[in-house]
Amino acid sequence: MNAIYWILFIGIALASWIVSASLKRKFKRYSDEPLVLTGCEVAQQMLQDHGIYDVQVTCVAGELTDHYNPATKTVNLSEEVYYGANVAAAAVAAHECGHAVQHQEAYAPLKMRSALVPVVSFSSKWVTWIILAGLFLIGSGAGRMLLLFGICLYALITIFSFVTLPVEVNASQRAVNWLRETGITDNHTSEMASDALHSAAYTYVVAALSALATLIYYILVFLGSRK
């Protein structure tokens, strides 16, 4: 069982590295493809076109730190995206605004993901320690109960990872369609924007598969402890 886990772990780690390297390479390449509007201007226009006037576009520090915060109603763009006037910046800015449009339309997967955020935050903070304690005391009833509790918490994290997939894919589809319809990107640059966002989506796929593989391993350990 340990051998299978390590094979899965190494395979997923390798896939994660490949996807991450590909993502950085494509964003660097598409950052050299100029557009008229900056990421900030793209975000502001997309929000206005969808009748969203209560969401602010802000600039945040870091690389690939772009995100939409439904609690504060802010589209937060990294400096490279906020000030960048290129295909990569436009794709990222429009993608994050896609989440704002989802929020406005009460998109079901986004509502589900938002509802899971508090419990997932708690789970992420404590699950490692609870599972370690369960594994350390696995020969006792208390240890198995701790491990089972940890598995339940990790299951919530895994569910969150899979719920995130349709949310991200839908936001990307909205972004690419809007960029093309408004003429901000033409057929050639639309393909670039789509390619960049597809690469970003693969990171969520790998994360979800990694969470699932780890969850299955913990379940097998728990079942084995009952023999």
C-alpha atoms as a PDB file:
ATOM      1  CA  MET A   1       0.000   0.000   0.000  1.00  0.00           C
ATOM      2  CA  ASN A   2       2.852   2.381   0.851  1.00  0.00           C
ATOM      3  CA  ALA A   3       4.469   1.615  -2.511  1.00  0.00           C
ATOM      4  CA  ILE A   4       1.246   2.505  -4.337  1.00  0.00           C
ATOM      5  CA  TYR A   5       0.954   5.734  -2.365  1.00  0.00           C
ATOM      6  CA  TRP A   6       4.502   6.789  -3.202  1.00  0.00           C
ATOM      7  CA  ILE A   7       3.978   6.015  -6.875  1.00  0.00           C
ATOM      8  CA  LEU A   8       0.847   8.195  -6.852  1.00  0.00           C
ATOM      9  CA  PHE A   9       2.576  10.909  -4.814  1.00  0.00           C
ATOM     10  CA  ILE A  10       5.590  11.082  -7.135  1.00  0.00           C
ATOM     11  CA  GLY A  11       3.377  10.938 -10.233  1.00  0.00           C
ATOM     12  CA  ILE A  12       1.147  13.775  -9.031  1.00  0.00           C
ATOM     13  CA  ALA A  13       4.144  15.838  -7.870  1.00  0.00           C
ATOM     14  CA  LEU A  14       5.708  15.430 -11.316  1.00  0.00           C
ATOM     15  CA  ALA A  15       2.440  16.367 -13.025  1.00  0.00           C
ATOM     16  CA  SER A  16       2.154  19.429 -10.780  1.00  0.00           C
ATOM     17  CA  TRP A  17       5.672  20.535 -11.679  1.00  0.00           C
ATOM     18  CA  ILE A  18       5.050  20.076 -15.407  1.00  0.00           C
ATOM     19  CA  VAL A  19       1.751  21.982 -15.275  1.00  0.00           C
ATOM     20  CA  SER A  20       3.274  24.795 -13.209  1.00  0.00           C
ATOM     21  CA  ALA A  21       6.270  25.127 -15.527  1.00  0.00           C
ATOM     22  CA  SER A  22       4.003  25.128 -18.591  1.00  0.00           C
ATOM     23  CA  LEU A  23       1.743  27.762 -17.027  1.00  0.00           C
ATOM     24  CA  LYS A  24       4.653  30.112 -16.257  1.00  0.00           C
ATOM     25  CA  ARG A  25       6.120  29.599 -19.732  1.00  0.00           C
ATOM     26  CA  LYS A  26       2.827  30.382 -21.489  1.00  0.00           C
ATOM     27  CA  PHE A  27       2.068  33.432 -19.374  1.00  0.00           C
ATOM     28  CA  LYS A  28       5.551  34.753 -20.077  1.00  0.00           C
ATOM     29  CA  ARG A  29       5.065  34.163 -23.823  1.00  0.00           C
ATOM     30  CA  TYR A  30       1.613  35.754 -23.923  1.00  0.00           C
ATOM     31  CA  SER A  31       2.817  38.690 -21.836  1.00  0.00           C
ATOM     32  CA  ASP A  32       4.824  39.680 -24.920  1.00  0.00           C
ATOM     33  CA  GLU A  33       1.650  39.912 -27.030  1.00  0.00           C
ATOM     34  CA  PRO A  34       0.503  43.557 -26.698  1.00  0.00           C
ATOM     35  CA  LEU A  35      -3.085  44.785 -26.381  1.00  0.00           C
ATOM     36  CA  VAL A  36      -4.484  48.295 -26.123  1.00  0.00           C
ATOM     37  CA  LEU A  37      -6.040  47.927 -22.652  1.00  0.00           C
ATOM     38  CA  THR A  38      -4.306  47.146 -19.367  1.00  0.00           C
ATOM     39  CA  GLY A  39      -5.555  44.388 -17.091  1.00  0.00           C
ATOM     40  CA  CYS A  40      -7.148  46.990 -14.836  1.00  0.00           C
ATOM     41  CA  GLU A  41      -9.000  48.579 -17.750  1.00  0.00           C
ATOM     42  CA  VAL A  42     -10.134  45.168 -19.012  1.00  0.00           C
ATOM     43  CA  ALA A  43     -11.518  44.314 -15.572  1.00  0.00           C
ATOM     44  CA  GLN A  44     -13.327  47.639 -15.208  1.00  0.00           C
ATOM     45  CA  GLN A  45     -14.889  47.350 -18.670  1.00  0.00           C
ATOM     46  CA  MET A  46     -16.019  43.755 -18.142  1.00  0.00           C
ATOM     47  CA  LEU A  47     -17.655  44.637 -14.838  1.00  0.00           C
ATOM     48  CA  GLN A  48     -19.441  47.615 -16.412  1.00  0.00           C
ATOM     49  CA  ASP A  49     -20.592  45.557 -19.410  1.00  0.00           C
ATOM     50  CA  HIS A  50     -22.250  43.139 -16.987  1.00  0.00           C
ATOM     51  CA  GLY A  51     -23.881  45.905 -14.956  1.00  0.00           C
ATOM     52  CA  ILE A  52     -21.650  45.361 -11.928  1.00  0.00           C
ATOM     53  CA  TYR A  53     -20.848  48.663 -10.222  1.00  0.00           C
ATOM     54  CA  ASP A  54     -20.270  47.602  -6.612  1.00  0.00           C
ATOM     55  CA  VAL A  55     -17.067  45.642  -7.233  1.00  0.00           C
ATOM     56  CA  GLN A  56     -13.700  47.396  -6.995  1.00  0.00           C
ATOM     57  CA  VAL A  57     -10.575  46.501  -8.965  1.00  0.00           C
ATOM     58  CA  THR A  58      -7.472  46.633  -6.782  1.00  0.00           C
ATOM     59  CA  CYS A  59      -3.763  45.962  -7.194  1.00  0.00           C
ATOM     60  CA  VAL A  60      -2.063  43.450  -4.885  1.00  0.00           C
ATOM     61  CA  ALA A  61       1.568  42.450  -4.453  1.00  0.00           C
ATOM     62  CA  GLY A  62       3.020  39.144  -5.614  1.00  0.00           C
ATOM     63  CA  GLU A  63       3.051  36.936  -8.694  1.00  0.00           C
ATOM     64  CA  LEU A  64      -0.088  35.000  -9.744  1.00  0.00           C
ATOM     65  CA  THR A  65      -1.887  36.392  -6.666  1.00  0.00           C
ATOM     66  CA  ASP A  66      -4.922  37.396  -8.715  1.00  0.00           C
ATOM     67  CA  HIS A  67      -8.279  36.499  -7.168  1.00  0.00           C
ATOM     68  CA  TYR A  68     -11.860  37.620  -6.662  1.00  0.00           C
ATOM     69  CA  ASN A  69     -13.038  38.077  -3.090  1.00  0.00           C
ATOM     70  CA  PRO A  70     -16.841  37.759  -2.842  1.00  0.00           C
ATOM     71  CA  ALA A  71     -16.813  38.879   0.800  1.00  0.00           C
ATOM     72  CA  THR A  72     -15.264  42.280   0.032  1.00  0.00           C
ATOM     73  CA  LYS A  73     -16.471  42.408  -3.583  1.00  0.00           C
ATOM     74  CA  THR A  74     -13.028  43.130  -4.972  1.00  0.00           C
ATOM     75  CA  VAL A  75     -11.201  41.898  -8.048  1.00  0.00           C
ATOM     76  CA  ASN A  76      -7.605  41.754  -6.855  1.00  0.00           C
ATOM     77  CA  LEU A  77      -4.970  41.800  -9.602  1.00  0.00           C
ATOM     78  CA  SER A  78      -1.219  41.358  -9.247  1.00  0.00           C
ATOM     79  CA  GLU A  79       0.909  44.311 -10.380  1.00  0.00           C
ATOM     80  CA  GLU A  80       1.965  42.499 -13.556  1.00  0.00           C
ATOM     81  CA  VAL A  81      -1.669  41.943 -14.518  1.00  0.00           C
ATOM     82  CA  TYR A  82      -3.033  45.267 -13.231  1.00  0.00           C
ATOM     83  CA  TYR A  83      -0.614  47.389 -15.260  1.00  0.00           C
ATOM     84  CA  GLY A  84       0.098  44.958 -18.094  1.00  0.00           C
ATOM     85  CA  ALA A  85      -1.352  45.677 -21.536  1.00  0.00           C
ATOM     86  CA  ASN A  86      -1.019  42.239 -23.074  1.00  0.00           C
ATOM     87  CA  VAL A  87      -2.927  39.009 -23.761  1.00  0.00           C
ATOM     88  CA  ALA A  88      -1.904  37.289 -20.511  1.00  0.00           C
ATOM     89  CA  ALA A  89      -2.965  40.245 -18.361  1.00  0.00           C
ATOM     90  CA  ALA A  90      -6.284  40.588 -20.178  1.00  0.00           C
ATOM     91  CA  ALA A  91      -7.013  36.867 -19.816  1.00  0.00           C
ATOM     92  CA  VAL A  92      -6.332  36.841 -16.076  1.00  0.00           C
ATOM     93  CA  ALA A  93      -8.250  40.070 -15.423  1.00  0.00           C
ATOM     94  CA  ALA A  94     -11.272  38.853 -17.389  1.00  0.00           C
ATOM     95  CA  HIS A  95     -11.130  35.469 -15.648  1.00  0.00           C
ATOM     96  CA  GLU A  96     -11.289  37.065 -12.198  1.00  0.00           C
ATOM     97  CA  CYS A  97     -14.154  39.257 -13.330  1.00  0.00           C
ATOM     98  CA  GLY A  98     -15.815  36.061 -14.516  1.00  0.00           C
ATOM     99  CA  HIS A  99     -16.057  35.127 -10.845  1.00  0.00           C
ATOM    100  CA  ALA A 100     -17.693  38.478 -10.101  1.00  0.00           C
ATOM    101  CA  VAL A 101     -20.275  37.751 -12.814  1.00  0.00           C
ATOM    102  CA  GLN A 102     -20.831  34.299 -11.299  1.00  0.00           C
ATOM    103  CA  HIS A 103     -21.413  35.963  -7.932  1.00  0.00           C
ATOM    104  CA  GLN A 104     -23.909  38.404  -9.425  1.00  0.00           C
ATOM    105  CA  GLU A 105     -25.795  35.570 -11.151  1.00  0.00           C
ATOM    106  CA  ALA A 106     -25.680  33.305  -8.063  1.00  0.00           C
ATOM    107  CA  TYR A 107     -23.849  30.596 -10.002  1.00  0.00           C
ATOM    108  CA  ALA A 108     -24.552  27.398  -8.035  1.00  0.00           C
ATOM    109  CA  PRO A 109     -21.009  25.906  -7.881  1.00  0.00           C
ATOM    110  CA  LEU A 110     -19.632  29.255  -6.687  1.00  0.00           C
ATOM    111  CA  LYS A 111     -22.295  29.435  -3.970  1.00  0.00           C
ATOM    112  CA  MET A 112     -21.373  25.914  -2.895  1.00  0.00           C
ATOM    113  CA  ARG A 113     -17.661  26.741  -2.830  1.00  0.00           C
ATOM    114  CA  SER A 114     -18.270  29.929  -0.843  1.00  0.00           C
ATOM    115  CA  ALA A 115     -20.388  27.989   1.677  1.00  0.00           C
ATOM    116  CA  LEU A 116     -17.519  25.519   2.149  1.00  0.00           C
ATOM    117  CA  VAL A 117     -14.843  28.184   2.725  1.00  0.00           C
ATOM    118  CA  PRO A 118     -15.267  28.540   6.547  1.00  0.00           C
ATOM    119  CA  VAL A 119     -15.215  24.800   7.243  1.00  0.00           C
ATOM    120  CA  VAL A 120     -12.383  24.222   4.761  1.00  0.00           C
ATOM    121  CA  SER A 121     -10.353  26.981   6.426  1.00  0.00           C
ATOM    122  CA  PHE A 122     -10.780  25.202   9.763  1.00  0.00           C
ATOM    123  CA  SER A 123     -10.032  21.825   8.210  1.00  0.00           C
ATOM    124  CA  SER A 124      -6.864  23.039   6.472  1.00  0.00           C
ATOM    125  CA  LYS A 125      -5.571  24.481   9.732  1.00  0.00           C
ATOM    126  CA  TRP A 126      -6.041  21.357  11.878  1.00  0.00           C
ATOM    127  CA  VAL A 127      -6.318  18.322   9.615  1.00  0.00           C
ATOM    128  CA  THR A 128      -2.572  17.562   9.436  1.00  0.00           C
ATOM    129  CA  TRP A 129      -2.177  17.562  13.223  1.00  0.00           C
ATOM    130  CA  ILE A 130      -5.316  15.489  13.795  1.00  0.00           C
ATOM    131  CA  ILE A 131      -4.280  12.869  11.239  1.00  0.00           C
ATOM    132  CA  LEU A 132      -0.719  12.724  12.614  1.00  0.00           C
ATOM    133  CA  ALA A 133      -2.088  12.209  16.116  1.00  0.00           C
ATOM    134  CA  GLY A 134      -4.420   9.488  14.815  1.00  0.00           C
ATOM    135  CA  LEU A 135      -1.573   7.724  13.027  1.00  0.00           C
ATOM    136  CA  PHE A 136       0.656   7.934  16.127  1.00  0.00           C
ATOM    137  CA  LEU A 137      -2.079   6.419  18.308  1.00  0.00           C
ATOM    138  CA  ILE A 138      -3.507   4.143  15.639  1.00  0.00           C
ATOM    139  CA  GLY A 139      -3.261   1.043  17.815  1.00  0.00           C
ATOM    140  CA  SER A 140      -5.874   2.457  20.199  1.00  0.00           C
ATOM    141  CA  GLY A 141      -9.549   3.263  19.845  1.00  0.00           C
ATOM    142  CA  ALA A 142      -8.854   6.944  20.454  1.00  0.00           C
ATOM    143  CA  GLY A 143      -6.270   6.941  17.659  1.00  0.00           C
ATOM    144  CA  ARG A 144      -8.688   5.415  15.172  1.00  0.00           C
ATOM    145  CA  MET A 145     -11.358   7.948  16.132  1.00  0.00           C
ATOM    146  CA  LEU A 146      -8.888  10.800  15.618  1.00  0.00           C
ATOM    147  CA  LEU A 147      -7.879   9.377  12.253  1.00  0.00           C
ATOM    148  CA  LEU A 148     -11.519   9.003  11.214  1.00  0.00           C
ATOM    149  CA  PHE A 149     -12.204  12.600  12.226  1.00  0.00           C
ATOM    150  CA  GLY A 150      -9.169  13.723  10.246  1.00  0.00           C
ATOM    151  CA  ILE A 151     -10.381  11.763   7.223  1.00  0.00           C
ATOM    152  CA  CYS A 152     -13.755  13.522   7.426  1.00  0.00           C
ATOM    153  CA  LEU A 153     -12.015  16.903   7.495  1.00  0.00           C
ATOM    154  CA  TYR A 154      -9.795  15.936   4.562  1.00  0.00           C
ATOM    155  CA  ALA A 155     -12.856  14.731   2.651  1.00  0.00           C
ATOM    156  CA  LEU A 156     -14.280  18.260   2.909  1.00  0.00           C
ATOM    157  CA  ILE A 157     -11.035  19.667   1.510  1.00  0.00           C
ATOM    158  CA  THR A 158     -11.220  17.169  -1.345  1.00  0.00           C
ATOM    159  CA  ILE A 159     -14.837  18.067  -2.102  1.00  0.00           C
ATOM    160  CA  PHE A 160     -13.840  21.739  -2.117  1.00  0.00           C
ATOM    161  CA  SER A 161     -11.084  20.977  -4.651  1.00  0.00           C
ATOM    162  CA  PHE A 162     -13.532  19.281  -7.014  1.00  0.00           C
ATOM    163  CA  VAL A 163     -16.223  21.951  -6.590  1.00  0.00           C
ATOM    164  CA  THR A 164     -13.575  24.512  -7.554  1.00  0.00           C
ATOM    165  CA  LEU A 165     -13.077  22.899 -10.985  1.00  0.00           C
ATOM    166  CA  PRO A 166     -16.393  23.930 -12.638  1.00  0.00           C
ATOM    167  CA  VAL A 167     -16.116  27.372 -11.015  1.00  0.00           C
ATOM    168  CA  GLU A 168     -12.715  28.002 -12.607  1.00  0.00           C
ATOM    169  CA  VAL A 169     -13.586  26.498 -16.002  1.00  0.00           C
ATOM    170  CA  ASN A 170     -16.804  28.523 -16.235  1.00  0.00           C
ATOM    171  CA  ALA A 171     -15.009  31.758 -15.306  1.00  0.00           C
ATOM    172  CA  SER A 172     -12.452  31.105 -18.049  1.00  0.00           C
ATOM    173  CA  GLN A 173     -15.178  30.440 -20.627  1.00  0.00           C
ATOM    174  CA  ARG A 174     -16.902  33.687 -19.686  1.00  0.00           C
ATOM    175  CA  ALA A 175     -13.596  35.549 -19.946  1.00  0.00           C
ATOM    176  CA  VAL A 176     -12.609  34.227 -23.378  1.00  0.00           C
ATOM    177  CA  ASN A 177     -16.098  34.730 -24.832  1.00  0.00           C
ATOM    178  CA  TRP A 178     -16.333  38.292 -23.543  1.00  0.00           C
ATOM    179  CA  LEU A 179     -12.849  39.239 -24.773  1.00  0.00           C
ATOM    180  CA  ARG A 180     -13.726  37.953 -28.239  1.00  0.00           C
ATOM    181  CA  GLU A 181     -17.211  39.518 -28.364  1.00  0.00           C
ATOM    182  CA  THR A 182     -15.934  42.946 -27.347  1.00  0.00           C
ATOM    183  CA  GLY A 183     -13.092  42.846 -29.856  1.00  0.00           C
ATOM    184  CA  ILE A 184     -10.422  43.247 -27.193  1.00  0.00           C
ATOM    185  CA  THR A 185      -8.923  40.068 -28.628  1.00  0.00           C
ATOM    186  CA  ASP A 186      -9.153  38.856 -32.222  1.00  0.00           C
ATOM    187  CA  ASN A 187      -9.256  35.227 -33.336  1.00  0.00           C
ATOM    188  CA  HIS A 188      -5.496  34.834 -32.946  1.00  0.00           C
ATOM    189  CA  THR A 189      -5.158  36.467 -29.518  1.00  0.00           C
ATOM    190  CA  SER A 190      -8.369  34.809 -28.297  1.00  0.00           C
ATOM    191  CA  GLU A 191      -6.718  31.445 -28.854  1.00  0.00           C
ATOM    192  CA  MET A 192      -3.755  32.637 -26.789  1.00  0.00           C
ATOM    193  CA  ALA A 193      -6.004  33.793 -23.949  1.00  0.00           C
ATOM    194  CA  SER A 194      -7.882  30.487 -24.024  1.00  0.00           C
ATOM    195  CA  ASP A 195      -4.627  28.522 -24.006  1.00  0.00           C
ATOM    196  CA  ALA A 196      -3.302  30.467 -21.009  1.00  0.00           C
ATOM    197  CA  LEU A 197      -6.481  29.961 -19.004  1.00  0.00           C
ATOM    198  CA  HIS A 198      -6.667  26.265 -19.879  1.00  0.00           C
ATOM    199  CA  SER A 199      -3.136  25.856 -18.534  1.00  0.00           C
ATOM    200  CA  ALA A 200      -4.195  27.590 -15.324  1.00  0.00           C
ATOM    201  CA  ALA A 201      -7.186  25.233 -15.033  1.00  0.00           C
ATOM    202  CA  TYR A 202      -4.906  22.205 -15.148  1.00  0.00           C
ATOM    203  CA  THR A 203      -3.361  23.294 -11.839  1.00  0.00           C
ATOM    204  CA  TYR A 204      -6.768  22.871 -10.193  1.00  0.00           C
ATOM    205  CA  VAL A 205      -7.202  19.456 -11.795  1.00  0.00           C
ATOM    206  CA  VAL A 206      -3.859  18.271 -10.422  1.00  0.00           C
ATOM    207  CA  ALA A 207      -4.675  19.685  -6.978  1.00  0.00           C
ATOM    208  CA  ALA A 208      -8.034  17.881  -6.935  1.00  0.00           C
ATOM    209  CA  LEU A 209      -6.494  14.564  -7.996  1.00  0.00           C
ATOM    210  CA  SER A 210      -3.760  14.955  -5.393  1.00  0.00           C
ATOM    211  CA  ALA A 211      -6.342  15.558  -2.666  1.00  0.00           C
ATOM    212  CA  LEU A 212      -8.353  12.526  -3.800  1.00  0.00           C
ATOM    213  CA  ALA A 213      -5.292  10.241  -3.854  1.00  0.00           C
ATOM    214  CA  THR A 214      -4.285  11.344  -0.356  1.00  0.00           C
ATOM    215  CA  LEU A 215      -7.833  10.867   0.936  1.00  0.00           C
ATOM    216  CA  ILE A 216      -7.954   7.329  -0.460  1.00  0.00           C
ATOM    217  CA  TYR A 217      -4.618   6.529   1.182  1.00  0.00           C
ATOM    218  CA  TYR A 218      -5.840   7.702   4.608  1.00  0.00           C
ATOM    219  CA  ILE A 219      -9.030   5.667   4.197  1.00  0.00           C
ATOM    220  CA  LEU A 220      -7.006   2.556   3.370  1.00  0.00           C
ATOM    221  CA  VAL A 221      -4.805   3.138   6.430  1.00  0.00           C
ATOM    222  CA  PHE A 222      -7.904   3.461   8.599  1.00  0.00           C
ATOM    223  CA  LEU A 223      -9.470   0.305   7.187  1.00  0.00           C
ATOM    224  CA  GLY A 224      -6.196  -1.548   7.689  1.00  0.00           C
ATOM    225  CA  SER A 225      -6.037  -0.460  11.329  1.00  0.00           C
ATOM    226  CA  ARG A 226      -9.325  -2.263  12.029  1.00  0.00           C
ATOM    227  CA  LYS A 227      -7.930  -5.715  11.211  1.00  0.00           C
END
